[in-house]
Amino acid sequence: MRLLAKFFTVLVAVGGVTALHADTAPGLPGQKDAKDKEPNLSPAEMATRTAKIRTGILDDSRRVLYLRAQAKKQKDVIKLSCVNDKIVQLKAQMNISQLTGEQLDLAIANEHETRKTLFTELRTTAEAISRLREEASTCIGEPELYKQESGIIVTEPDIIDDPNHDPFDLDVEPPAYASPYI
């Protein structure tokens, strides 16, 4: 029995090490690491891209607030609840982006090496905010760009046994109810 317990302990330890190694292993050959996505940017280029990212974040947050106003106007509680849930998540991401942006500004000004990781974190946060905007749009019912209808018109053949269509189409008066007072 002790041998089985020792074997199980070793098995768990080996499995844990394997799982940790799998998490830190490089991605698949088709995937790019975070370092490969952005080449070494100069501080000036990084500052301009940071400004673009910040304007995108503000545009996304304004759009989500507009969607909330639209849900209030429609007086749809379900849509409003869904959008409010996205706004709560959006505010958390906005706080993270604001703190990261302030740290990034200092790192760019001092040309500190942490600016690359801060820039990657800001970009990741901006992507999360963009995803929340898309989710809020689906709460309201706006179709996403890649899920739009293709505009194909389908014509159907006539249904032979359509219950709404009377094949005899006779103008027959329905029977009257019998009355005992006639």
N, C-alpha and C. Protein backbone atom coordinates (compact mmCIF):
# COMPACT_ATOMS: atom_id res chain seq x y z
N MET A 1 0.82 -1.19 0.00
CA MET A 1 0.00 0.00 0.00
C MET A 1 0.86 1.26 0.00
N ARG A 2 1.97 1.22 0.76
CA ARG A 2 2.88 2.38 0.79
C ARG A 2 3.56 2.57 -0.56
N LEU A 3 3.84 1.49 -1.22
CA LEU A 3 4.44 1.58 -2.53
C LEU A 3 3.51 2.27 -3.51
N LEU A 4 2.22 1.97 -3.40
CA LEU A 4 1.22 2.61 -4.25
C LEU A 4 1.13 4.11 -3.95
N ALA A 5 1.19 4.48 -2.68
CA ALA A 5 1.15 5.90 -2.30
C ALA A 5 2.37 6.64 -2.82
N LYS A 6 3.55 6.03 -2.74
CA LYS A 6 4.78 6.65 -3.25
C LYS A 6 4.70 6.81 -4.78
N PHE A 7 4.20 5.78 -5.44
CA PHE A 7 4.08 5.83 -6.89
C PHE A 7 3.12 6.94 -7.31
N PHE A 8 2.01 7.06 -6.58
CA PHE A 8 1.04 8.11 -6.88
C PHE A 8 1.64 9.50 -6.67
N THR A 9 2.43 9.68 -5.61
CA THR A 9 3.07 10.96 -5.33
C THR A 9 4.05 11.33 -6.44
N VAL A 10 4.83 10.38 -6.88
CA VAL A 10 5.78 10.62 -7.97
C VAL A 10 5.03 10.94 -9.26
N LEU A 11 3.95 10.24 -9.50
CA LEU A 11 3.15 10.48 -10.70
C LEU A 11 2.57 11.89 -10.70
N VAL A 12 2.07 12.35 -9.56
CA VAL A 12 1.53 13.70 -9.45
C VAL A 12 2.63 14.74 -9.66
N ALA A 13 3.81 14.51 -9.10
CA ALA A 13 4.92 15.44 -9.25
C ALA A 13 5.36 15.54 -10.71
N VAL A 14 5.47 14.42 -11.37
CA VAL A 14 5.86 14.42 -12.79
C VAL A 14 4.79 15.10 -13.64
N GLY A 15 3.53 14.84 -13.33
CA GLY A 15 2.44 15.48 -14.08
C GLY A 15 2.44 16.99 -13.87
N GLY A 16 2.70 17.43 -12.64
CA GLY A 16 2.75 18.87 -12.36
C GLY A 16 3.88 19.55 -13.10
N VAL A 17 5.06 18.93 -13.12
CA VAL A 17 6.20 19.50 -13.83
C VAL A 17 5.91 19.55 -15.32
N THR A 18 5.29 18.51 -15.83
CA THR A 18 4.95 18.49 -17.25
C THR A 18 3.95 19.59 -17.59
N ALA A 19 2.97 19.79 -16.72
CA ALA A 19 1.98 20.84 -16.97
C ALA A 19 2.62 22.22 -16.90
N LEU A 20 3.52 22.44 -15.96
CA LEU A 20 4.21 23.73 -15.88
C LEU A 20 5.08 23.96 -17.10
N HIS A 21 5.74 22.91 -17.55
CA HIS A 21 6.59 23.04 -18.73
C HIS A 21 5.76 23.33 -19.97
N ALA A 22 4.56 22.75 -20.06
CA ALA A 22 3.69 22.99 -21.21
C ALA A 22 3.21 24.44 -21.23
N ASP A 23 2.99 25.04 -20.05
CA ASP A 23 2.55 26.43 -20.00
C ASP A 23 3.65 27.39 -20.41
N THR A 24 4.90 27.06 -20.13
CA THR A 24 6.00 27.96 -20.45
C THR A 24 6.64 27.64 -21.79
N ALA A 25 6.22 26.56 -22.42
CA ALA A 25 6.81 26.18 -23.70
C ALA A 25 6.39 27.19 -24.77
N PRO A 26 7.23 27.38 -25.79
CA PRO A 26 6.84 28.30 -26.85
C PRO A 26 5.61 27.81 -27.58
N GLY A 27 4.92 28.73 -28.25
CA GLY A 27 3.68 28.40 -28.93
C GLY A 27 3.89 27.50 -30.12
N LEU A 28 2.82 27.27 -30.83
CA LEU A 28 2.87 26.44 -32.02
C LEU A 28 3.67 27.16 -33.10
N PRO A 29 4.15 26.45 -34.09
CA PRO A 29 4.96 27.10 -35.12
C PRO A 29 4.24 28.24 -35.83
N GLY A 30 2.93 28.19 -35.98
CA GLY A 30 2.19 29.24 -36.67
C GLY A 30 1.94 30.46 -35.81
N GLN A 31 2.11 30.33 -34.50
CA GLN A 31 1.83 31.43 -33.60
C GLN A 31 3.08 32.28 -33.41
N LYS A 32 2.82 33.55 -33.12
CA LYS A 32 3.93 34.46 -32.85
C LYS A 32 3.91 34.83 -31.39
N ASP A 33 5.06 34.99 -30.81
CA ASP A 33 5.15 35.44 -29.44
C ASP A 33 4.91 36.93 -29.38
N ALA A 34 4.75 37.47 -28.16
CA ALA A 34 4.52 38.90 -27.99
C ALA A 34 5.72 39.70 -28.48
N LYS A 35 6.91 39.13 -28.34
CA LYS A 35 8.11 39.83 -28.80
C LYS A 35 8.14 39.94 -30.32
N ASP A 36 7.57 38.93 -31.00
CA ASP A 36 7.59 38.94 -32.46
C ASP A 36 6.56 39.91 -33.04
N LYS A 37 5.50 40.23 -32.28
CA LYS A 37 4.46 41.11 -32.80
C LYS A 37 4.96 42.53 -32.98
N GLU A 38 5.75 43.00 -32.05
CA GLU A 38 6.24 44.37 -32.11
C GLU A 38 7.76 44.35 -32.22
N PRO A 39 8.29 44.92 -33.28
CA PRO A 39 9.74 45.05 -33.35
C PRO A 39 10.19 46.10 -32.33
N ASN A 40 11.46 46.26 -32.21
CA ASN A 40 11.97 47.27 -31.28
C ASN A 40 11.56 48.64 -31.77
N LEU A 41 10.70 49.28 -30.99
CA LEU A 41 10.19 50.60 -31.35
C LEU A 41 11.01 51.67 -30.64
N SER A 42 11.19 52.77 -31.32
CA SER A 42 11.84 53.90 -30.67
C SER A 42 10.83 54.52 -29.70
N PRO A 43 11.29 55.28 -28.73
CA PRO A 43 10.36 55.91 -27.79
C PRO A 43 9.34 56.83 -28.48
N ALA A 44 9.75 57.51 -29.55
CA ALA A 44 8.81 58.39 -30.26
C ALA A 44 7.71 57.58 -30.95
N GLU A 45 8.08 56.48 -31.61
CA GLU A 45 7.09 55.63 -32.27
C GLU A 45 6.15 55.00 -31.24
N MET A 46 6.72 54.59 -30.11
CA MET A 46 5.91 54.00 -29.06
C MET A 46 4.92 55.02 -28.50
N ALA A 47 5.34 56.28 -28.39
CA ALA A 47 4.45 57.33 -27.88
C ALA A 47 3.30 57.58 -28.85
N THR A 48 3.58 57.59 -30.16
CA THR A 48 2.51 57.81 -31.12
C THR A 48 1.53 56.64 -31.15
N ARG A 49 2.04 55.41 -31.07
CA ARG A 49 1.15 54.25 -31.04
C ARG A 49 0.34 54.22 -29.75
N THR A 50 0.94 54.64 -28.66
CA THR A 50 0.22 54.71 -27.39
C THR A 50 -0.93 55.71 -27.48
N ALA A 51 -0.70 56.84 -28.14
CA ALA A 51 -1.76 57.84 -28.31
C ALA A 51 -2.90 57.26 -29.15
N LYS A 52 -2.58 56.51 -30.20
CA LYS A 52 -3.61 55.89 -31.03
C LYS A 52 -4.40 54.84 -30.24
N ILE A 53 -3.70 54.08 -29.42
CA ILE A 53 -4.37 53.07 -28.60
C ILE A 53 -5.32 53.74 -27.62
N ARG A 54 -4.88 54.84 -27.01
CA ARG A 54 -5.73 55.54 -26.05
C ARG A 54 -6.97 56.13 -26.70
N THR A 55 -6.84 56.68 -27.91
CA THR A 55 -8.03 57.20 -28.59
C THR A 55 -8.99 56.07 -28.95
N GLY A 56 -8.45 54.92 -29.33
CA GLY A 56 -9.30 53.76 -29.60
C GLY A 56 -10.05 53.30 -28.36
N ILE A 57 -9.36 53.32 -27.22
CA ILE A 57 -10.00 52.94 -25.96
C ILE A 57 -11.13 53.90 -25.62
N LEU A 58 -10.89 55.20 -25.79
CA LEU A 58 -11.94 56.18 -25.51
C LEU A 58 -13.12 56.04 -26.45
N ASP A 59 -12.85 55.77 -27.73
CA ASP A 59 -13.94 55.57 -28.69
C ASP A 59 -14.78 54.34 -28.31
N ASP A 60 -14.11 53.27 -27.91
CA ASP A 60 -14.83 52.07 -27.52
C ASP A 60 -15.69 52.32 -26.29
N SER A 61 -15.15 53.04 -25.31
CA SER A 61 -15.94 53.29 -24.09
C SER A 61 -17.12 54.20 -24.39
N ARG A 62 -16.94 55.18 -25.25
CA ARG A 62 -18.06 56.05 -25.64
C ARG A 62 -19.15 55.26 -26.34
N ARG A 63 -18.75 54.33 -27.18
CA ARG A 63 -19.72 53.52 -27.92
C ARG A 63 -20.54 52.64 -26.97
N VAL A 64 -19.90 52.08 -25.96
CA VAL A 64 -20.61 51.24 -25.00
C VAL A 64 -21.58 52.09 -24.19
N LEU A 65 -21.19 53.30 -23.83
CA LEU A 65 -22.10 54.20 -23.11
C LEU A 65 -23.28 54.60 -23.99
N TYR A 66 -23.03 54.78 -25.28
CA TYR A 66 -24.11 55.08 -26.22
C TYR A 66 -25.08 53.90 -26.31
N LEU A 67 -24.54 52.69 -26.31
CA LEU A 67 -25.39 51.50 -26.36
C LEU A 67 -26.25 51.38 -25.10
N ARG A 68 -25.70 51.79 -23.96
CA ARG A 68 -26.49 51.77 -22.73
C ARG A 68 -27.65 52.77 -22.84
N ALA A 69 -27.36 53.96 -23.38
CA ALA A 69 -28.41 54.96 -23.56
C ALA A 69 -29.48 54.45 -24.52
N GLN A 70 -29.05 53.74 -25.54
CA GLN A 70 -29.99 53.17 -26.51
C GLN A 70 -30.89 52.12 -25.84
N ALA A 71 -30.30 51.30 -24.97
CA ALA A 71 -31.10 50.28 -24.27
C ALA A 71 -32.09 50.94 -23.30
N LYS A 72 -31.67 52.04 -22.67
CA LYS A 72 -32.59 52.76 -21.78
C LYS A 72 -33.74 53.36 -22.59
N LYS A 73 -33.42 53.88 -23.77
CA LYS A 73 -34.45 54.48 -24.62
C LYS A 73 -35.47 53.44 -25.07
N GLN A 74 -35.00 52.23 -25.35
CA GLN A 74 -35.89 51.15 -25.76
C GLN A 74 -36.65 50.55 -24.58
N LYS A 75 -36.22 50.89 -23.37
CA LYS A 75 -36.82 50.38 -22.13
C LYS A 75 -36.81 48.85 -22.10
N ASP A 76 -35.70 48.29 -22.54
CA ASP A 76 -35.52 46.85 -22.54
C ASP A 76 -34.59 46.49 -21.39
N VAL A 77 -35.15 45.86 -20.37
CA VAL A 77 -34.41 45.57 -19.15
C VAL A 77 -33.31 44.54 -19.40
N ILE A 78 -33.57 43.59 -20.25
CA ILE A 78 -32.60 42.53 -20.50
C ILE A 78 -31.38 43.10 -21.22
N LYS A 79 -31.61 43.90 -22.24
CA LYS A 79 -30.49 44.51 -22.96
C LYS A 79 -29.72 45.44 -22.04
N LEU A 80 -30.43 46.22 -21.24
CA LEU A 80 -29.78 47.15 -20.33
C LEU A 80 -28.94 46.42 -19.30
N SER A 81 -29.45 45.32 -18.79
CA SER A 81 -28.69 44.53 -17.82
C SER A 81 -27.42 43.96 -18.45
N CYS A 82 -27.54 43.48 -19.67
CA CYS A 82 -26.38 42.93 -20.37
C CYS A 82 -25.32 44.00 -20.61
N VAL A 83 -25.77 45.17 -21.08
CA VAL A 83 -24.82 46.25 -21.36
C VAL A 83 -24.20 46.77 -20.07
N ASN A 84 -24.98 46.85 -19.00
CA ASN A 84 -24.44 47.29 -17.71
C ASN A 84 -23.36 46.33 -17.21
N ASP A 85 -23.56 45.04 -17.45
CA ASP A 85 -22.55 44.06 -17.08
C ASP A 85 -21.25 44.32 -17.85
N LYS A 86 -21.37 44.63 -19.11
CA LYS A 86 -20.18 44.93 -19.92
C LYS A 86 -19.53 46.24 -19.46
N ILE A 87 -20.33 47.20 -19.00
CA ILE A 87 -19.78 48.47 -18.54
C ILE A 87 -18.97 48.28 -17.26
N VAL A 88 -19.44 47.40 -16.38
CA VAL A 88 -18.68 47.12 -15.16
C VAL A 88 -17.31 46.54 -15.52
N GLN A 89 -17.30 45.60 -16.45
CA GLN A 89 -16.03 45.02 -16.89
C GLN A 89 -15.18 46.06 -17.61
N LEU A 90 -15.83 46.93 -18.38
CA LEU A 90 -15.12 47.97 -19.13
C LEU A 90 -14.44 48.95 -18.18
N LYS A 91 -15.12 49.32 -17.10
CA LYS A 91 -14.53 50.27 -16.16
C LYS A 91 -13.28 49.69 -15.51
N ALA A 92 -13.31 48.41 -15.21
CA ALA A 92 -12.11 47.77 -14.65
C ALA A 92 -10.96 47.80 -15.65
N GLN A 93 -11.26 47.49 -16.90
CA GLN A 93 -10.22 47.52 -17.93
C GLN A 93 -9.72 48.95 -18.19
N MET A 94 -10.62 49.92 -18.08
CA MET A 94 -10.22 51.32 -18.26
C MET A 94 -9.26 51.75 -17.15
N ASN A 95 -9.54 51.33 -15.92
CA ASN A 95 -8.64 51.65 -14.82
C ASN A 95 -7.26 51.04 -15.04
N ILE A 96 -7.23 49.80 -15.50
CA ILE A 96 -5.95 49.15 -15.79
C ILE A 96 -5.22 49.89 -16.90
N SER A 97 -5.94 50.27 -17.95
CA SER A 97 -5.28 50.96 -19.06
C SER A 97 -4.77 52.33 -18.64
N GLN A 98 -5.50 53.01 -17.77
CA GLN A 98 -5.05 54.32 -17.31
C GLN A 98 -3.77 54.21 -16.49
N LEU A 99 -3.72 53.26 -15.57
CA LEU A 99 -2.52 53.07 -14.76
C LEU A 99 -1.34 52.63 -15.62
N THR A 100 -1.59 51.71 -16.53
CA THR A 100 -0.53 51.24 -17.41
C THR A 100 -0.04 52.37 -18.31
N GLY A 101 -0.97 53.20 -18.80
CA GLY A 101 -0.58 54.32 -19.65
C GLY A 101 0.28 55.33 -18.91
N GLU A 102 -0.06 55.61 -17.65
CA GLU A 102 0.76 56.54 -16.87
C GLU A 102 2.15 55.98 -16.64
N GLN A 103 2.23 54.68 -16.31
CA GLN A 103 3.54 54.05 -16.11
C GLN A 103 4.32 54.02 -17.42
N LEU A 104 3.62 53.81 -18.52
CA LEU A 104 4.28 53.77 -19.82
C LEU A 104 4.82 55.14 -20.20
N ASP A 105 4.08 56.19 -19.90
CA ASP A 105 4.57 57.54 -20.19
C ASP A 105 5.87 57.82 -19.44
N LEU A 106 5.93 57.42 -18.18
CA LEU A 106 7.16 57.61 -17.41
C LEU A 106 8.31 56.77 -17.97
N ALA A 107 8.00 55.54 -18.34
CA ALA A 107 9.04 54.66 -18.88
C ALA A 107 9.55 55.17 -20.22
N ILE A 108 8.66 55.73 -21.04
CA ILE A 108 9.09 56.28 -22.33
C ILE A 108 9.95 57.52 -22.10
N ALA A 109 9.54 58.37 -21.17
CA ALA A 109 10.30 59.58 -20.89
C ALA A 109 11.70 59.26 -20.36
N ASN A 110 11.80 58.23 -19.54
CA ASN A 110 13.10 57.86 -18.96
C ASN A 110 13.84 56.83 -19.80
N GLU A 111 13.23 56.38 -20.90
CA GLU A 111 13.76 55.33 -21.77
C GLU A 111 14.14 54.09 -20.96
N HIS A 112 13.24 53.70 -20.09
CA HIS A 112 13.44 52.53 -19.24
C HIS A 112 13.04 51.28 -20.02
N GLU A 113 13.65 50.15 -19.70
CA GLU A 113 13.40 48.91 -20.43
C GLU A 113 12.01 48.32 -20.18
N THR A 114 11.33 48.76 -19.14
CA THR A 114 9.98 48.21 -18.88
C THR A 114 8.94 48.75 -19.85
N ARG A 115 9.32 49.69 -20.69
CA ARG A 115 8.34 50.28 -21.60
C ARG A 115 7.79 49.25 -22.59
N LYS A 116 8.60 48.27 -22.96
CA LYS A 116 8.13 47.25 -23.91
C LYS A 116 7.03 46.39 -23.29
N THR A 117 7.24 45.96 -22.06
CA THR A 117 6.23 45.13 -21.41
C THR A 117 4.99 45.96 -21.09
N LEU A 118 5.17 47.21 -20.71
CA LEU A 118 4.02 48.07 -20.43
C LEU A 118 3.22 48.35 -21.70
N PHE A 119 3.93 48.53 -22.82
CA PHE A 119 3.26 48.76 -24.09
C PHE A 119 2.45 47.53 -24.49
N THR A 120 3.02 46.35 -24.30
CA THR A 120 2.30 45.11 -24.61
C THR A 120 1.08 44.96 -23.72
N GLU A 121 1.22 45.32 -22.44
CA GLU A 121 0.09 45.23 -21.52
C GLU A 121 -1.01 46.22 -21.90
N LEU A 122 -0.63 47.42 -22.32
CA LEU A 122 -1.62 48.41 -22.76
C LEU A 122 -2.35 47.94 -24.00
N ARG A 123 -1.61 47.35 -24.93
CA ARG A 123 -2.22 46.85 -26.16
C ARG A 123 -3.18 45.70 -25.86
N THR A 124 -2.81 44.82 -24.93
CA THR A 124 -3.67 43.70 -24.55
C THR A 124 -4.95 44.21 -23.88
N THR A 125 -4.81 45.23 -23.05
CA THR A 125 -5.98 45.81 -22.39
C THR A 125 -6.89 46.46 -23.42
N ALA A 126 -6.31 47.12 -24.42
CA ALA A 126 -7.11 47.74 -25.48
C ALA A 126 -7.88 46.68 -26.27
N GLU A 127 -7.27 45.53 -26.50
CA GLU A 127 -7.96 44.45 -27.21
C GLU A 127 -9.12 43.91 -26.36
N ALA A 128 -8.91 43.83 -25.05
CA ALA A 128 -10.00 43.37 -24.16
C ALA A 128 -11.15 44.36 -24.17
N ILE A 129 -10.84 45.65 -24.20
CA ILE A 129 -11.89 46.68 -24.25
C ILE A 129 -12.64 46.60 -25.58
N SER A 130 -11.92 46.35 -26.64
CA SER A 130 -12.56 46.21 -27.95
C SER A 130 -13.50 45.00 -27.97
N ARG A 131 -13.08 43.90 -27.34
CA ARG A 131 -13.94 42.73 -27.24
C ARG A 131 -15.20 43.04 -26.44
N LEU A 132 -15.05 43.80 -25.36
CA LEU A 132 -16.22 44.17 -24.56
C LEU A 132 -17.17 45.04 -25.37
N ARG A 133 -16.63 45.89 -26.24
CA ARG A 133 -17.49 46.72 -27.10
C ARG A 133 -18.30 45.83 -28.04
N GLU A 134 -17.65 44.83 -28.62
CA GLU A 134 -18.35 43.91 -29.51
C GLU A 134 -19.43 43.13 -28.77
N GLU A 135 -19.12 42.70 -27.54
CA GLU A 135 -20.10 41.97 -26.76
C GLU A 135 -21.29 42.85 -26.39
N ALA A 136 -21.02 44.12 -26.09
CA ALA A 136 -22.11 45.04 -25.78
C ALA A 136 -22.98 45.28 -27.02
N SER A 137 -22.36 45.31 -28.19
CA SER A 137 -23.12 45.47 -29.43
C SER A 137 -24.03 44.28 -29.66
N THR A 138 -23.55 43.09 -29.32
CA THR A 138 -24.40 41.92 -29.48
C THR A 138 -25.51 41.90 -28.44
N CYS A 139 -25.28 42.52 -27.29
CA CYS A 139 -26.36 42.62 -26.28
C CYS A 139 -27.53 43.42 -26.85
N ILE A 140 -27.22 44.48 -27.56
CA ILE A 140 -28.25 45.34 -28.13
C ILE A 140 -28.90 44.69 -29.34
N GLY A 141 -28.16 43.87 -30.03
CA GLY A 141 -28.71 43.19 -31.19
C GLY A 141 -28.09 43.63 -32.49
N GLU A 142 -27.04 44.41 -32.41
CA GLU A 142 -26.35 44.81 -33.63
C GLU A 142 -25.52 43.62 -34.12
N PRO A 143 -25.62 43.30 -35.39
CA PRO A 143 -24.84 42.17 -35.88
C PRO A 143 -23.36 42.53 -35.95
N GLU A 144 -22.54 41.53 -35.68
CA GLU A 144 -21.11 41.75 -35.80
C GLU A 144 -20.74 41.71 -37.27
N LEU A 145 -19.63 42.31 -37.62
CA LEU A 145 -19.26 42.43 -39.02
C LEU A 145 -19.07 41.06 -39.68
N TYR A 146 -18.44 40.14 -38.96
CA TYR A 146 -18.19 38.85 -39.59
C TYR A 146 -19.37 37.91 -39.50
N LYS A 147 -20.45 38.32 -38.84
CA LYS A 147 -21.64 37.48 -38.74
C LYS A 147 -22.83 38.08 -39.46
N GLN A 148 -22.61 39.05 -40.30
CA GLN A 148 -23.73 39.69 -40.98
C GLN A 148 -24.34 38.73 -41.99
N GLU A 149 -25.59 38.99 -42.26
CA GLU A 149 -26.27 38.17 -43.25
C GLU A 149 -25.69 38.49 -44.63
N SER A 150 -25.68 37.50 -45.48
CA SER A 150 -25.04 37.66 -46.77
C SER A 150 -25.94 38.31 -47.81
N GLY A 151 -27.21 38.46 -47.54
CA GLY A 151 -28.12 39.09 -48.49
C GLY A 151 -28.66 38.14 -49.53
N ILE A 152 -28.55 36.85 -49.31
CA ILE A 152 -29.06 35.87 -50.26
C ILE A 152 -30.58 35.79 -50.11
N ILE A 153 -31.28 35.83 -51.23
CA ILE A 153 -32.73 35.73 -51.23
C ILE A 153 -33.10 34.30 -51.63
N VAL A 154 -33.87 33.65 -50.79
CA VAL A 154 -34.26 32.27 -51.04
C VAL A 154 -35.73 32.24 -51.42
N THR A 155 -36.05 31.59 -52.55
CA THR A 155 -37.44 31.42 -52.96
C THR A 155 -37.82 29.98 -52.68
N GLU A 156 -39.03 29.80 -52.17
CA GLU A 156 -39.47 28.47 -51.81
C GLU A 156 -40.56 28.01 -52.77
N PRO A 157 -40.66 26.73 -52.99
CA PRO A 157 -41.77 26.23 -53.79
C PRO A 157 -43.06 26.28 -52.98
N ASP A 158 -44.16 26.26 -53.67
CA ASP A 158 -45.45 26.25 -52.99
C ASP A 158 -45.60 24.97 -52.19
N ILE A 159 -46.18 25.10 -51.02
CA ILE A 159 -46.41 23.94 -50.16
C ILE A 159 -47.72 23.29 -50.60
N ILE A 160 -47.67 22.02 -50.84
CA ILE A 160 -48.84 21.32 -51.36
C ILE A 160 -49.94 21.24 -50.30
N ASP A 161 -49.61 20.85 -49.10
CA ASP A 161 -50.61 20.67 -48.06
C ASP A 161 -50.55 21.83 -47.07
N ASP A 162 -50.68 23.02 -47.55
CA ASP A 162 -50.65 24.21 -46.70
C ASP A 162 -51.97 24.31 -45.95
N PRO A 163 -51.96 24.30 -44.61
CA PRO A 163 -53.21 24.35 -43.86
C PRO A 163 -53.89 25.72 -43.96
N ASN A 164 -53.19 26.75 -44.35
CA ASN A 164 -53.80 28.07 -44.48
C ASN A 164 -54.45 28.30 -45.84
N HIS A 165 -54.26 27.38 -46.73
CA HIS A 165 -54.80 27.52 -48.08
C HIS A 165 -55.93 26.50 -48.28
N ASP A 166 -57.11 26.99 -48.65
CA ASP A 166 -58.26 26.12 -48.89
C ASP A 166 -58.28 25.74 -50.37
N PRO A 167 -58.12 24.47 -50.69
CA PRO A 167 -58.04 24.10 -52.10
C PRO A 167 -59.37 24.30 -52.84
N PHE A 168 -60.49 24.25 -52.16
CA PHE A 168 -61.77 24.40 -52.83
C PHE A 168 -62.17 25.86 -52.92
N ASP A 169 -61.76 26.65 -51.97
CA ASP A 169 -61.99 28.09 -51.94
C ASP A 169 -63.45 28.44 -52.28
N LEU A 170 -64.37 27.77 -51.60
CA LEU A 170 -65.79 28.00 -51.83
C LEU A 170 -66.30 29.01 -50.81
N ASP A 171 -67.22 29.84 -51.27
CA ASP A 171 -67.84 30.80 -50.36
C ASP A 171 -69.06 30.14 -49.73
N VAL A 172 -68.84 29.42 -48.69
CA VAL A 172 -69.91 28.71 -48.02
C VAL A 172 -70.17 29.41 -46.70
N GLU A 173 -71.46 29.66 -46.45
CA GLU A 173 -71.83 30.31 -45.21
C GLU A 173 -71.76 29.28 -44.09
N PRO A 174 -71.14 29.66 -42.96
CA PRO A 174 -71.06 28.68 -41.86
C PRO A 174 -72.44 28.43 -41.29
N PRO A 175 -72.67 27.24 -40.76
CA PRO A 175 -74.00 26.93 -40.21
C PRO A 175 -74.29 27.80 -38.98
N ALA A 176 -75.55 28.14 -38.83
CA ALA A 176 -75.97 28.95 -37.69
C ALA A 176 -76.27 28.04 -36.52
N TYR A 177 -76.25 28.60 -35.36
CA TYR A 177 -76.57 27.84 -34.17
C TYR A 177 -78.08 27.65 -34.08
N ALA A 178 -78.47 26.50 -33.67
CA ALA A 178 -79.90 26.23 -33.52
C ALA A 178 -80.43 26.95 -32.30
N SER A 179 -81.60 27.50 -32.44
CA SER A 179 -82.22 28.25 -31.33
C SER A 179 -83.57 27.61 -31.01
N PRO A 180 -83.87 27.45 -29.74
CA PRO A 180 -85.15 26.83 -29.40
C PRO A 180 -86.32 27.80 -29.56
N TYR A 181 -86.09 29.05 -29.86
CA TYR A 181 -87.16 30.04 -29.91
C TYR A 181 -87.60 30.40 -31.31
N ILE A 182 -87.37 29.58 -32.29
CA ILE A 182 -87.79 29.91 -33.65
C ILE A 182 -89.14 29.40 -33.95
